[in-house]
């Protein structure tokens, strides 16, 4: 019983927290919507399908890695 308690405490206290940051090139997962939207996910005004049907320009941005430059650019492009 004591062993189970110790293992539970070790597991809970030993788990690192998420450390997402703009200032590094570490992998943060697929959370560019959170970087770009400052924590909010806002859908586009019109869909890509509507844009193509109306022959209006559409801007698609693909982030290929979690580099510092991509993280900072995601905020710039969303403004």
PDB file of N, CA and C in Angstrom:
ATOM      1  N   UNK A   1       0.824  -1.191   0.000  1.00  0.00           N
ATOM      2  CA  UNK A   1       0.000   0.000   0.000  1.00  0.00           C
ATOM      3  C   UNK A   1       0.870   1.258   0.000  1.00  0.00           C
ATOM      4  N   UNK A   2       1.936   1.215   0.792  1.00  0.00           N
ATOM      5  CA  UNK A   2       2.851   2.357   0.837  1.00  0.00           C
ATOM      6  C   UNK A   2       3.535   2.530  -0.513  1.00  0.00           C
ATOM      7  N   UNK A   3       3.876   1.426  -1.128  1.00  0.00           N
ATOM      8  CA  UNK A   3       4.528   1.479  -2.440  1.00  0.00           C
ATOM      9  C   UNK A   3       3.605   2.125  -3.479  1.00  0.00           C
ATOM     10  N   UNK A   4       2.343   1.785  -3.445  1.00  0.00           N
ATOM     11  CA  UNK A   4       1.371   2.385  -4.368  1.00  0.00           C
ATOM     12  C   UNK A   4       1.270   3.886  -4.121  1.00  0.00           C
ATOM     13  N   UNK A   5       1.240   4.300  -2.873  1.00  0.00           N
ATOM     14  CA  UNK A   5       1.184   5.718  -2.534  1.00  0.00           C
ATOM     15  C   UNK A   5       2.426   6.459  -2.997  1.00  0.00           C
ATOM     16  N   UNK A   6       3.595   5.862  -2.796  1.00  0.00           N
ATOM     17  CA  UNK A   6       4.844   6.490  -3.231  1.00  0.00           C
ATOM     18  C   UNK A   6       4.914   6.592  -4.751  1.00  0.00           C
ATOM     19  N   UNK A   7       4.505   5.540  -5.431  1.00  0.00           N
ATOM     20  CA  UNK A   7       4.512   5.579  -6.892  1.00  0.00           C
ATOM     21  C   UNK A   7       3.522   6.612  -7.429  1.00  0.00           C
ATOM     22  N   UNK A   8       2.383   6.743  -6.782  1.00  0.00           N
ATOM     23  CA  UNK A   8       1.395   7.744  -7.194  1.00  0.00           C
ATOM     24  C   UNK A   8       1.945   9.154  -7.011  1.00  0.00           C
ATOM     25  N   UNK A   9       2.571   9.415  -5.880  1.00  0.00           N
ATOM     26  CA  UNK A   9       3.166  10.734  -5.625  1.00  0.00           C
ATOM     27  C   UNK A   9       4.294  11.019  -6.607  1.00  0.00           C
ATOM     28  N   UNK A  10       5.121  10.018  -6.854  1.00  0.00           N
ATOM     29  CA  UNK A  10       6.231  10.188  -7.793  1.00  0.00           C
ATOM     30  C   UNK A  10       5.703  10.498  -9.183  1.00  0.00           C
ATOM     31  N   UNK A  11       4.652   9.806  -9.595  1.00  0.00           N
ATOM     32  CA  UNK A  11       4.072  10.029 -10.918  1.00  0.00           C
ATOM     33  C   UNK A  11       3.466  11.429 -11.019  1.00  0.00           C
ATOM     34  N   UNK A  12       2.707  11.840 -10.025  1.00  0.00           N
ATOM     35  CA  UNK A  12       2.042  13.139 -10.070  1.00  0.00           C
ATOM     36  C   UNK A  12       3.019  14.301  -9.939  1.00  0.00           C
ATOM     37  N   UNK A  13       4.000  14.176  -9.082  1.00  0.00           N
ATOM     38  CA  UNK A  13       4.959  15.259  -8.869  1.00  0.00           C
ATOM     39  C   UNK A  13       6.063  15.265  -9.915  1.00  0.00           C
ATOM     40  N   UNK A  14       6.315  14.129 -10.514  1.00  0.00           N
ATOM     41  CA  UNK A  14       7.392  14.030 -11.491  1.00  0.00           C
ATOM     42  C   UNK A  14       6.987  14.374 -12.906  1.00  0.00           C
ATOM     43  N   UNK A  15       5.706  14.627 -13.135  1.00  0.00           N
ATOM     44  CA  UNK A  15       5.236  14.955 -14.472  1.00  0.00           C
ATOM     45  C   UNK A  15       5.533  16.419 -14.767  1.00  0.00           C
ATOM     46  N   UNK A  16       6.310  16.703 -15.821  1.00  0.00           N
ATOM     47  CA  UNK A  16       6.616  18.103 -16.132  1.00  0.00           C
ATOM     48  C   UNK A  16       5.399  18.826 -16.693  1.00  0.00           C
ATOM     49  N   UNK A  17       5.330  20.103 -16.432  1.00  0.00           N
ATOM     50  CA  UNK A  17       4.237  20.907 -16.972  1.00  0.00           C
ATOM     51  C   UNK A  17       4.552  21.283 -18.418  1.00  0.00           C
ATOM     52  N   UNK A  18       3.558  21.723 -19.140  1.00  0.00           N
ATOM     53  CA  UNK A  18       3.757  22.150 -20.521  1.00  0.00           C
ATOM     54  C   UNK A  18       4.472  23.494 -20.517  1.00  0.00           C
ATOM     55  N   UNK A  19       5.520  23.594 -21.281  1.00  0.00           N
ATOM     56  CA  UNK A  19       6.301  24.819 -21.339  1.00  0.00           C
ATOM     57  C   UNK A  19       6.339  25.318 -22.779  1.00  0.00           C
ATOM     58  N   UNK A  20       5.265  25.883 -23.249  1.00  0.00           N
ATOM     59  CA  UNK A  20       5.206  26.433 -24.596  1.00  0.00           C
ATOM     60  C   UNK A  20       5.705  27.871 -24.552  1.00  0.00           C
ATOM     61  N   UNK A  21       6.526  28.231 -25.535  1.00  0.00           N
ATOM     62  CA  UNK A  21       7.106  29.564 -25.532  1.00  0.00           C
ATOM     63  C   UNK A  21       7.373  30.027 -26.956  1.00  0.00           C
ATOM     64  N   UNK A  22       7.262  31.323 -27.182  1.00  0.00           N
ATOM     65  CA  UNK A  22       7.610  31.907 -28.473  1.00  0.00           C
ATOM     66  C   UNK A  22       9.118  31.921 -28.697  1.00  0.00           C
ATOM     67  N   UNK A  23       9.871  31.950 -27.626  1.00  0.00           N
ATOM     68  CA  UNK A  23      11.290  32.261 -27.704  1.00  0.00           C
ATOM     69  C   UNK A  23      12.212  31.075 -27.919  1.00  0.00           C
ATOM     70  N   UNK A  24      11.698  29.947 -28.320  1.00  0.00           N
ATOM     71  CA  UNK A  24      12.573  28.802 -28.544  1.00  0.00           C
ATOM     72  C   UNK A  24      12.086  27.993 -29.735  1.00  0.00           C
ATOM     73  N   UNK A  25      12.880  27.024 -30.119  1.00  0.00           N
ATOM     74  CA  UNK A  25      12.557  26.159 -31.244  1.00  0.00           C
ATOM     75  C   UNK A  25      12.067  24.797 -30.791  1.00  0.00           C
ATOM     76  N   UNK A  26      11.613  24.688 -29.560  1.00  0.00           N
ATOM     77  CA  UNK A  26      11.169  23.390 -29.060  1.00  0.00           C
ATOM     78  C   UNK A  26       9.788  23.051 -29.608  1.00  0.00           C
ATOM     79  N   UNK A  27       9.504  21.765 -29.693  1.00  0.00           N
ATOM     80  CA  UNK A  27       8.227  21.288 -30.207  1.00  0.00           C
ATOM     81  C   UNK A  27       7.138  21.537 -29.181  1.00  0.00           C
ATOM     82  N   UNK A  28       6.104  22.253 -29.568  1.00  0.00           N
ATOM     83  CA  UNK A  28       4.987  22.554 -28.676  1.00  0.00           C
ATOM     84  C   UNK A  28       3.706  21.868 -29.109  1.00  0.00           C
ATOM     85  N   UNK A  29       3.751  21.084 -30.150  1.00  0.00           N
ATOM     86  CA  UNK A  29       2.535  20.449 -30.639  1.00  0.00           C
ATOM     87  C   UNK A  29       1.843  21.330 -31.660  1.00  0.00           C
ATOM     88  N   UNK A  30       0.683  20.946 -32.051  1.00  0.00           N
ATOM     89  CA  UNK A  30      -0.062  21.676 -33.078  1.00  0.00           C
ATOM     90  C   UNK A  30      -0.961  22.723 -32.438  1.00  0.00           C
ATOM     91  N   UNK A  31      -0.355  23.779 -31.928  1.00  0.00           N
ATOM     92  CA  UNK A  31      -1.136  24.796 -31.221  1.00  0.00           C
ATOM     93  C   UNK A  31      -0.949  26.180 -31.829  1.00  0.00           C
ATOM     94  N   UNK A  32      -0.693  26.239 -33.141  1.00  0.00           N
ATOM     95  CA  UNK A  32      -0.513  27.542 -33.766  1.00  0.00           C
ATOM     96  C   UNK A  32      -1.784  28.373 -33.735  1.00  0.00           C
ATOM     97  N   UNK A  33      -2.928  27.726 -33.705  1.00  0.00           N
ATOM     98  CA  UNK A  33      -4.178  28.502 -33.588  1.00  0.00           C
ATOM     99  C   UNK A  33      -4.203  29.273 -32.278  1.00  0.00           C
ATOM    100  N   UNK A  34      -3.627  28.720 -31.249  1.00  0.00           N
ATOM    101  CA  UNK A  34      -3.575  29.415 -29.962  1.00  0.00           C
ATOM    102  C   UNK A  34      -2.559  30.538 -29.985  1.00  0.00           C
ATOM    103  N   UNK A  35      -1.421  30.325 -30.640  1.00  0.00           N
ATOM    104  CA  UNK A  35      -0.447  31.410 -30.764  1.00  0.00           C
ATOM    105  C   UNK A  35      -1.038  32.549 -31.589  1.00  0.00           C
ATOM    106  N   UNK A  36      -1.598  32.218 -32.737  1.00  0.00           N
ATOM    107  CA  UNK A  36      -2.082  33.242 -33.660  1.00  0.00           C
ATOM    108  C   UNK A  36      -3.302  33.965 -33.117  1.00  0.00           C
ATOM    109  N   UNK A  37      -4.173  33.241 -32.429  1.00  0.00           N
ATOM    110  CA  UNK A  37      -5.394  33.856 -31.929  1.00  0.00           C
ATOM    111  C   UNK A  37      -5.281  34.351 -30.512  1.00  0.00           C
ATOM    112  N   UNK A  38      -4.070  34.305 -29.950  1.00  0.00           N
ATOM    113  CA  UNK A  38      -3.846  34.736 -28.577  1.00  0.00           C
ATOM    114  C   UNK A  38      -4.768  33.993 -27.610  1.00  0.00           C
ATOM    115  N   UNK A  39      -4.904  32.702 -27.838  1.00  0.00           N
ATOM    116  CA  UNK A  39      -5.701  31.874 -26.944  1.00  0.00           C
ATOM    117  C   UNK A  39      -7.125  31.642 -27.389  1.00  0.00           C
ATOM    118  N   UNK A  40      -7.550  32.288 -28.458  1.00  0.00           N
ATOM    119  CA  UNK A  40      -8.919  32.084 -28.935  1.00  0.00           C
ATOM    120  C   UNK A  40      -8.889  31.532 -30.354  1.00  0.00           C
ATOM    121  N   UNK A  41      -9.814  30.671 -30.647  1.00  0.00           N
ATOM    122  CA  UNK A  41      -9.908  30.115 -31.993  1.00  0.00           C
ATOM    123  C   UNK A  41     -11.118  30.753 -32.665  1.00  0.00           C
ATOM    124  N   UNK A  42     -10.849  31.577 -33.678  1.00  0.00           N
ATOM    125  CA  UNK A  42     -11.896  32.306 -34.376  1.00  0.00           C
ATOM    126  C   UNK A  42     -11.974  31.776 -35.802  1.00  0.00           C
ATOM    127  N   UNK A  43     -13.139  31.335 -36.237  1.00  0.00           N
ATOM    128  CA  UNK A  43     -13.255  30.822 -37.606  1.00  0.00           C
ATOM    129  C   UNK A  43     -13.146  31.954 -38.626  1.00  0.00           C
ATOM    130  N   UNK A  44     -12.730  31.650 -39.846  1.00  0.00           N
ATOM    131  CA  UNK A  44     -12.649  32.693 -40.877  1.00  0.00           C
ATOM    132  C   UNK A  44     -14.037  33.212 -41.241  1.00  0.00           C
ATOM    133  N   UNK A  45     -14.066  34.402 -41.821  1.00  0.00           N
ATOM    134  CA  UNK A  45     -15.352  35.007 -42.195  1.00  0.00           C
ATOM    135  C   UNK A  45     -16.054  34.200 -43.281  1.00  0.00           C
ATOM    136  N   UNK A  46     -15.289  33.762 -44.276  1.00  0.00           N
ATOM    137  CA  UNK A  46     -15.860  32.901 -45.312  1.00  0.00           C
ATOM    138  C   UNK A  46     -14.970  31.678 -45.467  1.00  0.00           C
ATOM    139  N   UNK A  47     -15.532  30.614 -45.969  1.00  0.00           N
ATOM    140  CA  UNK A  47     -14.769  29.373 -46.128  1.00  0.00           C
ATOM    141  C   UNK A  47     -13.917  29.447 -47.389  1.00  0.00           C
ATOM    142  N   UNK A  48     -12.972  28.543 -47.495  1.00  0.00           N
ATOM    143  CA  UNK A  48     -12.135  28.469 -48.693  1.00  0.00           C
ATOM    144  C   UNK A  48     -12.994  28.158 -49.914  1.00  0.00           C
ATOM    145  N   UNK A  49     -13.970  27.311 -49.743  1.00  0.00           N
ATOM    146  CA  UNK A  49     -14.875  26.963 -50.847  1.00  0.00           C
ATOM    147  C   UNK A  49     -15.619  28.199 -51.353  1.00  0.00           C
ATOM    148  N   UNK A  50     -16.133  29.014 -50.443  1.00  0.00           N
ATOM    149  CA  UNK A  50     -16.834  30.246 -50.837  1.00  0.00           C
ATOM    150  C   UNK A  50     -15.889  31.221 -51.524  1.00  0.00           C
ATOM    151  N   UNK A  51     -14.690  31.315 -51.026  1.00  0.00           N
ATOM    152  CA  UNK A  51     -13.703  32.210 -51.613  1.00  0.00           C
ATOM    153  C   UNK A  51     -13.375  31.799 -53.046  1.00  0.00           C
ATOM    154  N   UNK A  52     -13.202  30.509 -53.273  1.00  0.00           N
ATOM    155  CA  UNK A  52     -12.907  30.030 -54.624  1.00  0.00           C
ATOM    156  C   UNK A  52     -14.106  30.215 -55.552  1.00  0.00           C
ATOM    157  N   UNK A  53     -15.295  29.970 -55.061  1.00  0.00           N
ATOM    158  CA  UNK A  53     -16.500  30.119 -55.878  1.00  0.00           C
ATOM    159  C   UNK A  53     -16.718  31.584 -56.270  1.00  0.00           C
ATOM    160  N   UNK A  54     -16.429  32.505 -55.358  1.00  0.00           N
ATOM    161  CA  UNK A  54     -16.594  33.939 -55.635  1.00  0.00           C
ATOM    162  C   UNK A  54     -15.400  34.533 -56.376  1.00  0.00           C
ATOM    163  N   UNK A  55     -14.373  33.711 -56.601  1.00  0.00           N
ATOM    164  CA  UNK A  55     -13.133  34.151 -57.260  1.00  0.00           C
ATOM    165  C   UNK A  55     -12.472  35.287 -56.488  1.00  0.00           C
ATOM    166  N   UNK A  56     -12.472  35.134 -55.167  1.00  0.00           N
ATOM    167  CA  UNK A  56     -11.810  36.078 -54.268  1.00  0.00           C
ATOM    168  C   UNK A  56     -10.482  35.472 -53.830  1.00  0.00           C
ATOM    169  N   UNK A  57      -9.482  36.296 -53.599  1.00  0.00           N
ATOM    170  CA  UNK A  57      -8.200  35.741 -53.142  1.00  0.00           C
ATOM    171  C   UNK A  57      -8.310  35.135 -51.745  1.00  0.00           C
ATOM    172  N   UNK A  58      -7.564  34.091 -51.545  1.00  0.00           N
ATOM    173  CA  UNK A  58      -7.510  33.433 -50.233  1.00  0.00           C
ATOM    174  C   UNK A  58      -6.047  33.232 -49.867  1.00  0.00           C
ATOM    175  N   UNK A  59      -5.740  33.420 -48.621  1.00  0.00           N
ATOM    176  CA  UNK A  59      -4.377  33.254 -48.134  1.00  0.00           C
ATOM    177  C   UNK A  59      -4.321  32.027 -47.236  1.00  0.00           C
ATOM    178  N   UNK A  60      -3.536  31.045 -47.648  1.00  0.00           N
ATOM    179  CA  UNK A  60      -3.331  29.840 -46.844  1.00  0.00           C
ATOM    180  C   UNK A  60      -1.913  29.866 -46.309  1.00  0.00           C
ATOM    181  N   UNK A  61      -1.764  29.646 -45.029  1.00  0.00           N
ATOM    182  CA  UNK A  61      -0.446  29.639 -44.402  1.00  0.00           C
ATOM    183  C   UNK A  61      -0.227  28.271 -43.782  1.00  0.00           C
ATOM    184  N   UNK A  62       0.882  27.642 -44.136  1.00  0.00           N
ATOM    185  CA  UNK A  62       1.238  26.341 -43.582  1.00  0.00           C
ATOM    186  C   UNK A  62       2.489  26.504 -42.725  1.00  0.00           C
ATOM    187  N   UNK A  63       2.427  26.007 -41.518  1.00  0.00           N
ATOM    188  CA  UNK A  63       3.580  26.038 -40.625  1.00  0.00           C
ATOM    189  C   UNK A  63       4.213  24.655 -40.659  1.00  0.00           C
ATOM    190  N   UNK A  64       5.472  24.597 -41.065  1.00  0.00           N
ATOM    191  CA  UNK A  64       6.102  23.295 -41.256  1.00  0.00           C
ATOM    192  C   UNK A  64       6.888  22.824 -40.042  1.00  0.00           C
ATOM    193  N   UNK A  65       7.146  23.698 -39.103  1.00  0.00           N
ATOM    194  CA  UNK A  65       7.863  23.279 -37.900  1.00  0.00           C
ATOM    195  C   UNK A  65       7.511  24.203 -36.739  1.00  0.00           C
ATOM    196  N   UNK A  66       8.075  23.921 -35.601  1.00  0.00           N
ATOM    197  CA  UNK A  66       7.821  24.722 -34.400  1.00  0.00           C
ATOM    198  C   UNK A  66       8.958  25.703 -34.128  1.00  0.00           C
ATOM    199  N   UNK A  67       9.521  26.260 -35.176  1.00  0.00           N
ATOM    200  CA  UNK A  67      10.627  27.185 -34.967  1.00  0.00           C
ATOM    201  C   UNK A  67      10.117  28.496 -34.376  1.00  0.00           C
ATOM    202  N   UNK A  68      11.023  29.237 -33.795  1.00  0.00           N
ATOM    203  CA  UNK A  68      10.690  30.527 -33.191  1.00  0.00           C
ATOM    204  C   UNK A  68      10.096  31.464 -34.236  1.00  0.00           C
ATOM    205  N   UNK A  69      10.653  31.451 -35.446  1.00  0.00           N
ATOM    206  CA  UNK A  69      10.162  32.326 -36.511  1.00  0.00           C
ATOM    207  C   UNK A  69       8.715  32.023 -36.883  1.00  0.00           C
ATOM    208  N   UNK A  70       8.371  30.746 -36.980  1.00  0.00           N
ATOM    209  CA  UNK A  70       6.986  30.365 -37.302  1.00  0.00           C
ATOM    210  C   UNK A  70       6.032  30.794 -36.200  1.00  0.00           C
ATOM    211  N   UNK A  71       6.457  30.640 -34.961  1.00  0.00           N
ATOM    212  CA  UNK A  71       5.595  31.015 -33.839  1.00  0.00           C
ATOM    213  C   UNK A  71       5.316  32.517 -33.842  1.00  0.00           C
ATOM    214  N   UNK A  72       6.337  33.321 -34.086  1.00  0.00           N
ATOM    215  CA  UNK A  72       6.147  34.768 -34.114  1.00  0.00           C
ATOM    216  C   UNK A  72       5.352  35.202 -35.341  1.00  0.00           C
ATOM    217  N   UNK A  73       5.574  34.529 -36.469  1.00  0.00           N
ATOM    218  CA  UNK A  73       4.863  34.875 -37.701  1.00  0.00           C
ATOM    219  C   UNK A  73       3.377  34.553 -37.599  1.00  0.00           C
ATOM    220  N   UNK A  74       3.025  33.546 -36.835  1.00  0.00           N
ATOM    221  CA  UNK A  74       1.611  33.182 -36.705  1.00  0.00           C
ATOM    222  C   UNK A  74       0.801  34.324 -36.094  1.00  0.00           C
ATOM    223  N   UNK A  75       1.389  35.071 -35.199  1.00  0.00           N
ATOM    224  CA  UNK A  75       0.703  36.230 -34.613  1.00  0.00           C
ATOM    225  C   UNK A  75       0.602  37.351 -35.641  1.00  0.00           C
ATOM    226  N   UNK A  76       1.665  37.578 -36.398  1.00  0.00           N
ATOM    227  CA  UNK A  76       1.688  38.644 -37.400  1.00  0.00           C
ATOM    228  C   UNK A  76       0.662  38.398 -38.495  1.00  0.00           C
ATOM    229  N   UNK A  77       0.597  37.178 -38.989  1.00  0.00           N
ATOM    230  CA  UNK A  77      -0.286  36.873 -40.116  1.00  0.00           C
ATOM    231  C   UNK A  77      -1.755  36.918 -39.716  1.00  0.00           C
ATOM    232  N   UNK A  78      -2.056  36.736 -38.457  1.00  0.00           N
ATOM    233  CA  UNK A  78      -3.458  36.713 -38.031  1.00  0.00           C
ATOM    234  C   UNK A  78      -4.030  38.104 -37.779  1.00  0.00           C
ATOM    235  N   UNK A  79      -3.196  39.127 -37.825  1.00  0.00           N
ATOM    236  CA  UNK A  79      -3.693  40.490 -37.542  1.00  0.00           C
ATOM    237  C   UNK A  79      -4.302  41.131 -38.744  1.00  0.00           C
TER     238      UNK A  79
END
